[in-house]
């Protein structure tokens, strides 16, 4: 099956895979996130939206001098199995999905949907790492940081976005973040690339 949900495509596919396992519809699911959108017409559309930085400027998520993101090509794959590994392994503990329909290309400007989703997933638990969307855009980064701040309260988890190092791989970005998170948790270290 193909899942298309813009930047959230890889995460939506992962959630759909987890749901297939939960419902007993599959014992093993291979989830693949991939994006290759380097065509000049596609890049021109993002330029017109004003979300790409000037030539020679990189992506700087959450930086006061941020000017947008760089488009990249990427792919990631995750195999989910119904049987948990004997050592506990890494697994999908919980998930939530949501959407806003206020604007064609941006989320809600007050971050209400994002706060709701974060609260639902965190559910009072401890959080040591938040792999943020962190696009480096003027409109999105402040909304995302405010939602994170409100949701985690006094806790101060690490907040990270791989887009500063790898660019924004659009539909593959969410699954890329999951793979990077798994590596970071396995090694017990957040690696800045």
Protein backbone atom coordinates (compact mmCIF):
# COMPACT_ATOMS: atom_id res chain seq x y z
CA UNK A 1 0.00 0.00 0.00
CA UNK A 2 1.15 3.56 -0.60
CA UNK A 3 0.65 6.25 2.01
CA UNK A 4 0.90 9.89 0.94
CA UNK A 5 0.72 12.51 3.68
CA UNK A 6 3.40 15.06 2.71
CA UNK A 7 6.16 15.30 5.34
CA UNK A 8 4.31 12.83 7.58
CA UNK A 9 4.12 10.05 4.95
CA UNK A 10 6.82 7.85 6.52
CA UNK A 11 5.32 8.20 9.99
CA UNK A 12 1.80 7.50 8.73
CA UNK A 13 3.10 4.37 7.01
CA UNK A 14 4.82 3.27 10.23
CA UNK A 15 1.61 3.80 12.21
CA UNK A 16 -0.37 1.88 9.59
CA UNK A 17 2.15 -0.96 9.85
CA UNK A 18 1.83 -0.99 13.66
CA UNK A 19 -1.96 -1.10 13.30
CA UNK A 20 -1.74 -4.09 10.93
CA UNK A 21 0.30 -5.95 13.57
CA UNK A 22 -2.02 -4.95 16.44
CA UNK A 23 -5.06 -6.20 14.55
CA UNK A 24 -3.39 -9.50 13.64
CA UNK A 25 -3.59 -8.73 9.93
CA UNK A 26 0.17 -9.32 9.55
CA UNK A 27 3.04 -10.87 11.49
CA UNK A 28 5.73 -8.76 9.84
CA UNK A 29 5.54 -5.42 8.02
CA UNK A 30 8.22 -3.71 5.97
CA UNK A 31 7.76 0.07 6.04
CA UNK A 32 9.71 2.12 3.51
CA UNK A 33 9.86 5.89 3.31
CA UNK A 34 11.37 7.41 0.17
CA UNK A 35 11.36 10.78 -1.58
CA UNK A 36 13.08 12.09 -4.66
CA UNK A 37 11.77 15.54 -5.52
CA UNK A 38 14.75 17.36 -7.01
CA UNK A 39 13.05 18.38 -10.26
CA UNK A 40 13.50 22.14 -10.92
CA UNK A 41 9.71 22.65 -11.16
CA UNK A 42 9.22 21.09 -7.73
CA UNK A 43 12.05 23.14 -6.20
CA UNK A 44 10.64 26.27 -7.84
CA UNK A 45 7.31 25.68 -6.10
CA UNK A 46 9.03 25.58 -2.71
CA UNK A 47 10.97 28.74 -3.62
CA UNK A 48 7.70 30.52 -4.39
CA UNK A 49 6.36 29.43 -1.01
CA UNK A 50 9.36 31.15 0.58
CA UNK A 51 10.52 28.14 2.59
CA UNK A 52 13.94 27.67 0.95
CA UNK A 53 16.95 29.72 2.11
CA UNK A 54 18.99 31.91 -0.24
CA UNK A 55 21.75 30.17 -2.20
CA UNK A 56 24.73 29.32 0.02
CA UNK A 57 22.72 29.34 3.27
CA UNK A 58 22.11 26.04 5.03
CA UNK A 59 19.17 24.79 7.03
CA UNK A 60 19.37 25.91 10.67
CA UNK A 61 16.42 24.46 12.61
CA UNK A 62 15.40 26.60 15.61
CA UNK A 63 18.23 29.10 15.01
CA UNK A 64 17.37 32.80 15.28
CA UNK A 65 18.99 33.23 11.83
CA UNK A 66 17.07 30.41 10.14
CA UNK A 67 15.87 31.07 6.60
CA UNK A 68 14.32 27.78 5.49
CA UNK A 69 15.16 24.20 4.59
CA UNK A 70 17.14 22.45 1.88
CA UNK A 71 15.42 19.70 -0.08
CA UNK A 72 17.17 16.33 0.01
CA UNK A 73 16.60 12.85 -1.33
CA UNK A 74 16.48 9.96 1.12
CA UNK A 75 15.09 6.56 1.93
CA UNK A 76 14.68 4.52 5.09
CA UNK A 77 13.22 1.12 5.89
CA UNK A 78 11.93 -0.34 9.14
CA UNK A 79 10.81 -3.92 9.70
CA UNK A 80 8.12 -4.32 12.36
CA UNK A 81 7.29 -7.73 13.81
CA UNK A 82 4.42 -8.86 15.96
CA UNK A 83 6.64 -10.90 18.26
CA UNK A 84 8.72 -8.71 20.56
CA UNK A 85 12.41 -9.54 20.74
CA UNK A 86 13.64 -11.33 23.89
CA UNK A 87 15.90 -8.39 24.85
CA UNK A 88 12.97 -5.94 24.78
CA UNK A 89 14.24 -4.29 21.63
CA UNK A 90 12.74 -1.15 20.19
CA UNK A 91 9.04 -1.10 19.54
CA UNK A 92 6.14 1.20 18.73
CA UNK A 93 4.74 1.96 22.18
CA UNK A 94 2.01 4.43 21.21
CA UNK A 95 1.11 6.80 18.44
CA UNK A 96 -1.35 9.50 17.48
CA UNK A 97 -2.33 11.17 14.23
CA UNK A 98 -4.06 14.43 13.54
CA UNK A 99 -4.50 17.11 10.95
CA UNK A 100 -5.44 20.71 10.54
CA UNK A 101 -7.21 22.19 7.59
CA UNK A 102 -6.68 25.91 8.10
CA UNK A 103 -4.07 26.37 5.39
CA UNK A 104 -2.87 24.42 2.36
CA UNK A 105 0.84 24.34 3.28
CA UNK A 106 1.16 25.11 7.01
CA UNK A 107 -0.21 23.78 10.27
CA UNK A 108 -2.30 25.71 12.72
CA UNK A 109 -0.46 28.88 13.73
CA UNK A 110 -1.11 28.38 17.46
CA UNK A 111 0.08 24.73 17.50
CA UNK A 112 -3.11 23.41 19.15
CA UNK A 113 -3.11 20.18 17.12
CA UNK A 114 0.59 19.56 17.77
CA UNK A 115 0.17 20.17 21.52
CA UNK A 116 -2.77 17.76 21.59
CA UNK A 117 -0.80 15.05 19.78
CA UNK A 118 2.29 15.50 21.98
CA UNK A 119 0.21 15.32 25.17
CA UNK A 120 -1.56 12.21 23.94
CA UNK A 121 1.66 10.40 23.03
CA UNK A 122 3.75 11.52 26.01
CA UNK A 123 0.85 10.82 28.39
CA UNK A 124 2.76 11.95 31.48
CA UNK A 125 5.75 9.72 30.74
CA UNK A 126 9.39 10.72 30.80
CA UNK A 127 10.90 11.95 27.55
CA UNK A 128 14.65 12.08 26.97
CA UNK A 129 14.69 12.97 23.27
CA UNK A 130 12.33 14.82 20.97
CA UNK A 131 13.19 14.44 17.31
CA UNK A 132 11.44 17.57 16.12
CA UNK A 133 10.20 18.32 12.63
CA UNK A 134 12.49 21.39 12.81
CA UNK A 135 12.36 22.66 9.24
CA UNK A 136 14.24 25.89 9.87
CA UNK A 137 11.34 27.96 8.54
CA UNK A 138 10.31 31.24 10.10
CA UNK A 139 6.67 30.18 10.51
CA UNK A 140 6.97 26.60 11.78
CA UNK A 141 9.90 26.47 14.21
CA UNK A 142 8.48 28.86 16.86
CA UNK A 143 5.11 27.08 16.85
CA UNK A 144 6.79 23.69 17.26
CA UNK A 145 9.07 24.88 20.09
CA UNK A 146 6.15 26.48 21.95
CA UNK A 147 4.15 23.22 21.70
CA UNK A 148 7.13 21.22 22.97
CA UNK A 149 7.75 23.63 25.86
CA UNK A 150 4.13 23.51 26.95
CA UNK A 151 3.92 19.74 26.68
CA UNK A 152 7.10 18.63 28.49
CA UNK A 153 6.70 21.09 31.39
CA UNK A 154 9.71 21.17 33.73
CA UNK A 155 11.45 18.26 31.98
CA UNK A 156 14.16 19.31 29.57
CA UNK A 157 14.63 16.58 26.96
CA UNK A 158 17.09 16.97 24.13
CA UNK A 159 15.42 18.51 21.09
CA UNK A 160 16.97 17.56 17.79
CA UNK A 161 16.21 17.89 14.09
CA UNK A 162 18.25 16.04 11.50
CA UNK A 163 17.31 18.49 8.75
CA UNK A 164 20.24 20.77 9.59
CA UNK A 165 22.60 17.94 8.62
CA UNK A 166 20.65 15.95 6.03
CA UNK A 167 18.15 18.41 4.62
CA UNK A 168 14.40 17.90 4.41
CA UNK A 169 13.65 14.65 2.64
CA UNK A 170 9.93 15.47 2.64
CA UNK A 171 7.91 12.21 2.60
CA UNK A 172 10.89 10.18 3.87
CA UNK A 173 11.77 12.60 6.72
CA UNK A 174 9.59 10.99 9.40
CA UNK A 175 10.91 7.48 8.85
CA UNK A 176 14.47 8.84 8.67
CA UNK A 177 13.89 10.34 12.14
CA UNK A 178 12.67 6.98 13.48
CA UNK A 179 15.77 5.18 12.18
CA UNK A 180 18.05 7.87 13.65
CA UNK A 181 16.20 7.69 16.99
CA UNK A 182 16.63 3.91 17.11
CA UNK A 183 20.37 4.29 16.50
CA UNK A 184 20.65 7.03 19.14
CA UNK A 185 18.79 4.99 21.76
CA UNK A 186 20.80 1.85 20.97
CA UNK A 187 24.06 3.76 21.40
CA UNK A 188 22.80 5.88 24.28
CA UNK A 189 24.04 8.98 22.49
CA UNK A 190 22.58 11.77 20.39
CA UNK A 191 24.94 12.28 17.49
CA UNK A 192 25.03 15.63 15.81
CA UNK A 193 25.96 15.00 12.22
